[in-house]
Amino acid sequence: MSIRITTDKDAIDIDRLMAWLQDSYWAAGRPEDVVRRAIAASRCFSASVDGEFAGFARVVTDGATFAWVCDVIVDPQRRGAGIGKALMAAIMDHPEFQGIRMVLATRDAHELYRKYGFQELGFPQNWMAIGFRTCETPD
């Protein structure tokens, strides 16, 4: 199996990505036009295995001081094959993201992200948000 990572947005299979996102806990119900706008405004990483779209990750960034890693998703039929790790390695090795602050949110993949240096916020009380379910217990 050969995993290839690219930042070429033409490599994104929007139909497959939409199907995966609709089954995710964080993006179910997100309309396609919103996904397309998010892709257009983000740095995107696509994974392919033997030429077939197999994973995706998006980074929202100002390109200088801050980046938010989000929408990391792998084809459910190919999970456990190292595709998520390959996506994260590509993001962490990308020249644009060297030496800047990065954040992400996850409900169930803490161990994956710890391998790349992410850790829980030391002072979560310093962060504020709008548009999130900030006061509810996660599903």
N, C-alpha and C. Protein backbone atom coordinates (compact mmCIF):
# COMPACT_ATOMS: atom_id res chain seq x y z
N MET A 1 0.85 -1.18 0.00
CA MET A 1 0.00 0.00 0.00
C MET A 1 0.89 1.24 0.00
N SER A 2 0.58 2.16 -0.87
CA SER A 2 1.35 3.39 -1.01
C SER A 2 0.44 4.58 -0.69
N ILE A 3 0.78 5.32 0.37
CA ILE A 3 0.01 6.50 0.75
C ILE A 3 0.70 7.73 0.17
N ARG A 4 -0.07 8.52 -0.55
CA ARG A 4 0.45 9.77 -1.13
C ARG A 4 -0.34 10.93 -0.54
N ILE A 5 0.37 11.97 -0.08
CA ILE A 5 -0.26 13.16 0.47
C ILE A 5 0.02 14.32 -0.48
N THR A 6 -1.02 15.10 -0.75
CA THR A 6 -0.86 16.27 -1.60
C THR A 6 -1.66 17.44 -1.03
N THR A 7 -1.22 18.64 -1.35
CA THR A 7 -1.97 19.85 -0.99
C THR A 7 -2.74 20.39 -2.19
N ASP A 8 -2.76 19.65 -3.27
CA ASP A 8 -3.51 20.03 -4.48
C ASP A 8 -5.00 19.85 -4.22
N LYS A 9 -5.74 20.94 -4.20
CA LYS A 9 -7.17 20.87 -3.91
C LYS A 9 -7.95 20.12 -4.98
N ASP A 10 -7.38 20.00 -6.16
CA ASP A 10 -8.05 19.22 -7.22
C ASP A 10 -8.09 17.73 -6.90
N ALA A 11 -7.28 17.30 -5.94
CA ALA A 11 -7.25 15.88 -5.55
C ALA A 11 -8.40 15.52 -4.61
N ILE A 12 -9.14 16.51 -4.12
CA ILE A 12 -10.22 16.26 -3.17
C ILE A 12 -11.43 15.71 -3.92
N ASP A 13 -11.87 14.54 -3.52
CA ASP A 13 -13.11 13.96 -4.05
C ASP A 13 -14.24 14.46 -3.16
N ILE A 14 -14.88 15.54 -3.58
CA ILE A 14 -15.86 16.22 -2.73
C ILE A 14 -17.03 15.30 -2.37
N ASP A 15 -17.45 14.44 -3.28
CA ASP A 15 -18.57 13.54 -2.98
C ASP A 15 -18.21 12.57 -1.86
N ARG A 16 -17.03 11.98 -1.93
CA ARG A 16 -16.60 11.06 -0.88
C ARG A 16 -16.38 11.80 0.43
N LEU A 17 -15.75 12.97 0.35
CA LEU A 17 -15.52 13.76 1.56
C LEU A 17 -16.84 14.11 2.22
N MET A 18 -17.82 14.53 1.45
CA MET A 18 -19.13 14.87 2.01
C MET A 18 -19.76 13.66 2.71
N ALA A 19 -19.65 12.49 2.11
CA ALA A 19 -20.22 11.28 2.73
C ALA A 19 -19.53 11.00 4.06
N TRP A 20 -18.22 11.12 4.11
CA TRP A 20 -17.50 10.88 5.36
C TRP A 20 -17.88 11.91 6.41
N LEU A 21 -17.92 13.18 6.03
CA LEU A 21 -18.25 14.23 6.98
C LEU A 21 -19.67 14.08 7.53
N GLN A 22 -20.59 13.65 6.68
CA GLN A 22 -21.97 13.48 7.15
C GLN A 22 -22.07 12.38 8.20
N ASP A 23 -21.12 11.45 8.20
CA ASP A 23 -21.10 10.38 9.20
C ASP A 23 -20.22 10.72 10.40
N SER A 24 -19.62 11.91 10.41
CA SER A 24 -18.74 12.29 11.52
C SER A 24 -19.55 12.92 12.65
N TYR A 25 -18.97 12.94 13.85
CA TYR A 25 -19.66 13.55 14.98
C TYR A 25 -19.57 15.08 14.95
N TRP A 26 -18.62 15.64 14.23
CA TRP A 26 -18.43 17.09 14.26
C TRP A 26 -19.00 17.82 13.04
N ALA A 27 -19.26 17.13 11.94
CA ALA A 27 -19.67 17.85 10.73
C ALA A 27 -20.94 17.31 10.10
N ALA A 28 -21.63 16.40 10.78
CA ALA A 28 -22.89 15.88 10.24
C ALA A 28 -23.84 17.05 10.01
N GLY A 29 -24.42 17.10 8.85
CA GLY A 29 -25.35 18.17 8.53
C GLY A 29 -24.71 19.40 7.92
N ARG A 30 -23.40 19.44 7.85
CA ARG A 30 -22.73 20.59 7.24
C ARG A 30 -23.04 20.59 5.74
N PRO A 31 -23.58 21.67 5.22
CA PRO A 31 -23.94 21.71 3.80
C PRO A 31 -22.71 21.72 2.89
N GLU A 32 -22.88 21.20 1.69
CA GLU A 32 -21.77 21.13 0.74
C GLU A 32 -21.22 22.51 0.40
N ASP A 33 -22.07 23.50 0.28
CA ASP A 33 -21.55 24.84 -0.05
C ASP A 33 -20.65 25.36 1.06
N VAL A 34 -20.93 25.01 2.30
CA VAL A 34 -20.09 25.41 3.42
C VAL A 34 -18.75 24.66 3.36
N VAL A 35 -18.80 23.38 3.07
CA VAL A 35 -17.57 22.59 2.93
C VAL A 35 -16.70 23.17 1.81
N ARG A 36 -17.30 23.49 0.71
CA ARG A 36 -16.55 24.07 -0.42
C ARG A 36 -15.92 25.42 -0.04
N ARG A 37 -16.65 26.26 0.67
CA ARG A 37 -16.09 27.55 1.11
C ARG A 37 -14.94 27.34 2.08
N ALA A 38 -15.11 26.36 2.99
CA ALA A 38 -14.05 26.06 3.96
C ALA A 38 -12.79 25.57 3.25
N ILE A 39 -12.96 24.72 2.27
CA ILE A 39 -11.82 24.21 1.50
C ILE A 39 -11.12 25.37 0.79
N ALA A 40 -11.89 26.25 0.19
CA ALA A 40 -11.31 27.37 -0.56
C ALA A 40 -10.48 28.29 0.34
N ALA A 41 -10.86 28.41 1.61
CA ALA A 41 -10.20 29.34 2.51
C ALA A 41 -9.16 28.67 3.41
N SER A 42 -8.86 27.40 3.19
CA SER A 42 -7.96 26.64 4.07
C SER A 42 -6.82 26.02 3.29
N ARG A 43 -5.80 25.59 4.04
CA ARG A 43 -4.75 24.72 3.47
C ARG A 43 -5.30 23.31 3.62
N CYS A 44 -5.36 22.58 2.54
CA CYS A 44 -5.95 21.24 2.58
C CYS A 44 -4.92 20.18 2.22
N PHE A 45 -5.07 19.04 2.86
CA PHE A 45 -4.19 17.90 2.64
C PHE A 45 -5.07 16.72 2.29
N SER A 46 -4.78 16.09 1.16
CA SER A 46 -5.53 14.92 0.73
C SER A 46 -4.60 13.72 0.71
N ALA A 47 -5.13 12.59 1.13
CA ALA A 47 -4.39 11.33 1.09
C ALA A 47 -5.01 10.45 0.02
N SER A 48 -4.15 9.78 -0.72
CA SER A 48 -4.63 8.78 -1.66
C SER A 48 -3.85 7.50 -1.45
N VAL A 49 -4.53 6.40 -1.66
CA VAL A 49 -3.91 5.09 -1.58
C VAL A 49 -4.12 4.43 -2.92
N ASP A 50 -3.01 4.11 -3.56
CA ASP A 50 -3.05 3.51 -4.89
C ASP A 50 -3.96 4.31 -5.83
N GLY A 51 -3.85 5.65 -5.74
CA GLY A 51 -4.60 6.54 -6.62
C GLY A 51 -6.03 6.84 -6.21
N GLU A 52 -6.50 6.27 -5.11
CA GLU A 52 -7.88 6.46 -4.67
C GLU A 52 -7.92 7.38 -3.45
N PHE A 53 -8.79 8.39 -3.48
CA PHE A 53 -8.96 9.33 -2.37
C PHE A 53 -9.26 8.56 -1.10
N ALA A 54 -8.45 8.77 -0.05
CA ALA A 54 -8.56 7.95 1.16
C ALA A 54 -8.58 8.74 2.45
N GLY A 55 -8.29 10.03 2.41
CA GLY A 55 -8.28 10.81 3.63
C GLY A 55 -8.12 12.29 3.35
N PHE A 56 -8.42 13.08 4.36
CA PHE A 56 -8.44 14.53 4.19
C PHE A 56 -8.15 15.20 5.53
N ALA A 57 -7.52 16.35 5.47
CA ALA A 57 -7.35 17.21 6.64
C ALA A 57 -7.30 18.65 6.15
N ARG A 58 -7.76 19.54 7.01
CA ARG A 58 -7.83 20.95 6.66
C ARG A 58 -7.15 21.74 7.76
N VAL A 59 -6.43 22.80 7.38
CA VAL A 59 -5.77 23.67 8.34
C VAL A 59 -6.20 25.10 8.05
N VAL A 60 -6.81 25.73 9.04
CA VAL A 60 -7.19 27.13 8.96
C VAL A 60 -6.04 27.91 9.58
N THR A 61 -5.49 28.87 8.84
CA THR A 61 -4.29 29.55 9.33
C THR A 61 -4.18 30.96 8.79
N ASP A 62 -3.44 31.78 9.53
CA ASP A 62 -3.07 33.09 9.01
C ASP A 62 -1.72 33.01 8.30
N GLY A 63 -1.10 31.85 8.33
CA GLY A 63 0.16 31.64 7.64
C GLY A 63 1.37 32.23 8.34
N ALA A 64 1.18 32.75 9.55
CA ALA A 64 2.30 33.39 10.23
C ALA A 64 2.39 33.04 11.72
N THR A 65 1.24 33.03 12.42
CA THR A 65 1.30 32.87 13.87
C THR A 65 0.40 31.79 14.42
N PHE A 66 -0.62 31.36 13.66
CA PHE A 66 -1.64 30.49 14.24
C PHE A 66 -2.21 29.55 13.19
N ALA A 67 -2.53 28.32 13.62
CA ALA A 67 -3.18 27.35 12.74
C ALA A 67 -4.11 26.47 13.56
N TRP A 68 -5.23 26.14 12.97
CA TRP A 68 -6.22 25.23 13.57
C TRP A 68 -6.34 24.02 12.65
N VAL A 69 -5.98 22.87 13.14
CA VAL A 69 -6.10 21.61 12.39
C VAL A 69 -7.52 21.10 12.59
N CYS A 70 -8.21 20.80 11.50
CA CYS A 70 -9.60 20.37 11.63
C CYS A 70 -9.98 19.45 10.48
N ASP A 71 -11.15 18.87 10.60
CA ASP A 71 -11.71 17.99 9.58
C ASP A 71 -10.76 16.88 9.15
N VAL A 72 -9.98 16.36 10.10
CA VAL A 72 -9.11 15.22 9.79
C VAL A 72 -10.01 13.99 9.73
N ILE A 73 -10.04 13.36 8.55
CA ILE A 73 -10.95 12.23 8.38
C ILE A 73 -10.36 11.23 7.38
N VAL A 74 -10.59 9.97 7.65
CA VAL A 74 -10.06 8.88 6.82
C VAL A 74 -11.22 8.01 6.38
N ASP A 75 -11.14 7.51 5.17
CA ASP A 75 -12.13 6.58 4.64
C ASP A 75 -12.37 5.49 5.69
N PRO A 76 -13.61 5.30 6.13
CA PRO A 76 -13.88 4.30 7.17
C PRO A 76 -13.36 2.90 6.83
N GLN A 77 -13.31 2.58 5.56
CA GLN A 77 -12.83 1.25 5.14
C GLN A 77 -11.31 1.12 5.22
N ARG A 78 -10.63 2.24 5.41
CA ARG A 78 -9.16 2.22 5.41
C ARG A 78 -8.56 2.68 6.74
N ARG A 79 -9.38 2.87 7.75
CA ARG A 79 -8.87 3.31 9.04
C ARG A 79 -7.94 2.25 9.65
N GLY A 80 -6.94 2.72 10.36
CA GLY A 80 -5.98 1.82 10.98
C GLY A 80 -4.81 1.47 10.07
N ALA A 81 -4.76 2.06 8.88
CA ALA A 81 -3.70 1.74 7.92
C ALA A 81 -2.61 2.81 7.87
N GLY A 82 -2.66 3.79 8.77
CA GLY A 82 -1.61 4.81 8.81
C GLY A 82 -1.92 6.07 8.01
N ILE A 83 -3.11 6.18 7.47
CA ILE A 83 -3.45 7.34 6.64
C ILE A 83 -3.56 8.60 7.50
N GLY A 84 -4.20 8.52 8.65
CA GLY A 84 -4.28 9.67 9.55
C GLY A 84 -2.91 10.12 10.00
N LYS A 85 -2.03 9.17 10.29
CA LYS A 85 -0.66 9.50 10.68
C LYS A 85 0.07 10.19 9.53
N ALA A 86 -0.13 9.71 8.32
CA ALA A 86 0.53 10.32 7.16
C ALA A 86 0.03 11.75 6.94
N LEU A 87 -1.27 11.97 7.11
CA LEU A 87 -1.81 13.33 6.99
C LEU A 87 -1.20 14.25 8.05
N MET A 88 -1.16 13.79 9.30
CA MET A 88 -0.62 14.61 10.38
C MET A 88 0.87 14.87 10.19
N ALA A 89 1.61 13.88 9.74
CA ALA A 89 3.04 14.08 9.49
C ALA A 89 3.25 15.13 8.41
N ALA A 90 2.44 15.09 7.36
CA ALA A 90 2.55 16.08 6.28
C ALA A 90 2.25 17.48 6.79
N ILE A 91 1.23 17.59 7.63
CA ILE A 91 0.89 18.90 8.20
C ILE A 91 2.03 19.40 9.07
N MET A 92 2.52 18.56 9.96
CA MET A 92 3.55 18.98 10.90
C MET A 92 4.88 19.29 10.20
N ASP A 93 5.14 18.64 9.06
CA ASP A 93 6.38 18.88 8.31
C ASP A 93 6.27 20.04 7.33
N HIS A 94 5.06 20.53 7.09
CA HIS A 94 4.85 21.58 6.09
C HIS A 94 5.60 22.85 6.51
N PRO A 95 6.37 23.44 5.61
CA PRO A 95 7.16 24.63 5.96
C PRO A 95 6.35 25.79 6.54
N GLU A 96 5.13 25.96 6.09
CA GLU A 96 4.30 27.07 6.55
C GLU A 96 3.93 26.97 8.03
N PHE A 97 3.98 25.76 8.58
CA PHE A 97 3.52 25.57 9.94
C PHE A 97 4.65 25.41 10.96
N GLN A 98 5.85 25.69 10.55
CA GLN A 98 6.98 25.56 11.46
C GLN A 98 7.02 26.75 12.40
N GLY A 99 7.07 26.49 13.71
CA GLY A 99 7.24 27.54 14.70
C GLY A 99 6.00 28.36 14.99
N ILE A 100 4.81 27.90 14.58
CA ILE A 100 3.60 28.65 14.89
C ILE A 100 2.74 27.87 15.88
N ARG A 101 1.84 28.55 16.53
CA ARG A 101 0.91 27.92 17.46
C ARG A 101 -0.15 27.17 16.68
N MET A 102 -0.44 25.96 17.14
CA MET A 102 -1.45 25.13 16.48
C MET A 102 -2.40 24.59 17.54
N VAL A 103 -3.66 24.49 17.18
CA VAL A 103 -4.67 23.89 18.04
C VAL A 103 -5.50 22.91 17.23
N LEU A 104 -6.21 22.07 17.94
CA LEU A 104 -7.20 21.19 17.34
C LEU A 104 -8.14 20.75 18.44
N ALA A 105 -9.24 20.18 18.04
CA ALA A 105 -10.19 19.62 19.01
C ALA A 105 -10.53 18.21 18.57
N THR A 106 -10.61 17.32 19.53
CA THR A 106 -10.96 15.93 19.22
C THR A 106 -11.73 15.34 20.39
N ARG A 107 -12.60 14.43 20.06
CA ARG A 107 -13.34 13.71 21.10
C ARG A 107 -12.71 12.35 21.37
N ASP A 108 -12.01 11.80 20.37
CA ASP A 108 -11.59 10.41 20.52
C ASP A 108 -10.21 10.06 19.95
N ALA A 109 -9.43 11.03 19.51
CA ALA A 109 -8.14 10.70 18.89
C ALA A 109 -6.96 11.37 19.60
N HIS A 110 -7.07 11.54 20.89
CA HIS A 110 -6.02 12.21 21.64
C HIS A 110 -4.65 11.55 21.46
N GLU A 111 -4.62 10.24 21.49
CA GLU A 111 -3.34 9.54 21.38
C GLU A 111 -2.67 9.78 20.04
N LEU A 112 -3.44 9.83 18.97
CA LEU A 112 -2.86 10.14 17.66
C LEU A 112 -2.18 11.49 17.69
N TYR A 113 -2.88 12.50 18.18
CA TYR A 113 -2.35 13.86 18.14
C TYR A 113 -1.22 14.09 19.13
N ARG A 114 -1.21 13.37 20.24
CA ARG A 114 -0.09 13.48 21.18
C ARG A 114 1.22 13.08 20.52
N LYS A 115 1.17 12.15 19.59
CA LYS A 115 2.38 11.70 18.88
C LYS A 115 3.02 12.83 18.09
N TYR A 116 2.25 13.88 17.82
CA TYR A 116 2.75 15.02 17.04
C TYR A 116 2.96 16.25 17.91
N GLY A 117 2.94 16.06 19.23
CA GLY A 117 3.25 17.13 20.16
C GLY A 117 2.06 17.88 20.73
N PHE A 118 0.85 17.56 20.31
CA PHE A 118 -0.33 18.24 20.85
C PHE A 118 -0.58 17.75 22.29
N GLN A 119 -1.07 18.64 23.12
CA GLN A 119 -1.43 18.29 24.48
C GLN A 119 -2.64 19.12 24.90
N GLU A 120 -3.25 18.72 25.99
CA GLU A 120 -4.40 19.45 26.49
C GLU A 120 -3.97 20.87 26.86
N LEU A 121 -4.89 21.82 26.72
CA LEU A 121 -4.59 23.20 27.07
C LEU A 121 -4.30 23.30 28.55
N GLY A 122 -3.25 24.00 28.89
CA GLY A 122 -2.89 24.19 30.29
C GLY A 122 -3.83 25.13 31.01
N PHE A 123 -4.41 26.07 30.29
CA PHE A 123 -5.31 27.05 30.89
C PHE A 123 -6.55 27.19 30.01
N PRO A 124 -7.38 26.13 29.96
CA PRO A 124 -8.55 26.22 29.09
C PRO A 124 -9.49 27.35 29.46
N GLN A 125 -9.43 27.80 30.71
CA GLN A 125 -10.30 28.89 31.13
C GLN A 125 -9.93 30.21 30.44
N ASN A 126 -8.77 30.29 29.83
CA ASN A 126 -8.36 31.49 29.12
C ASN A 126 -8.97 31.57 27.72
N TRP A 127 -9.48 30.46 27.22
CA TRP A 127 -10.05 30.42 25.87
C TRP A 127 -11.53 30.72 25.93
N MET A 128 -11.99 31.38 24.90
CA MET A 128 -13.42 31.67 24.79
C MET A 128 -13.86 31.27 23.39
N ALA A 129 -15.16 31.05 23.22
CA ALA A 129 -15.67 30.61 21.92
C ALA A 129 -17.08 31.12 21.73
N ILE A 130 -17.49 31.13 20.49
CA ILE A 130 -18.87 31.43 20.14
C ILE A 130 -19.27 30.46 19.04
N GLY A 131 -20.50 30.03 19.06
CA GLY A 131 -20.97 29.11 18.03
C GLY A 131 -20.68 27.65 18.32
N PHE A 132 -20.12 27.36 19.49
CA PHE A 132 -19.85 25.98 19.91
C PHE A 132 -20.80 25.63 21.03
N ARG A 133 -20.95 24.36 21.29
CA ARG A 133 -21.72 23.92 22.45
C ARG A 133 -20.80 23.94 23.66
N THR A 134 -20.46 25.12 24.13
CA THR A 134 -19.45 25.26 25.16
C THR A 134 -19.88 24.81 26.54
N CYS A 135 -21.17 24.79 26.79
CA CYS A 135 -21.64 24.47 28.14
C CYS A 135 -22.26 23.09 28.25
N GLU A 136 -22.25 22.34 27.20
CA GLU A 136 -22.88 21.02 27.21
C GLU A 136 -21.82 19.94 27.32
N THR A 137 -22.20 18.80 27.80
CA THR A 137 -21.35 17.63 27.81
C THR A 137 -21.29 17.07 26.39
N PRO A 138 -20.10 16.73 25.89
CA PRO A 138 -20.01 16.17 24.53
C PRO A 138 -20.85 14.90 24.40
N ASP A 139 -21.35 14.67 23.21
CA ASP A 139 -22.13 13.45 22.93
C ASP A 139 -21.30 12.21 23.18
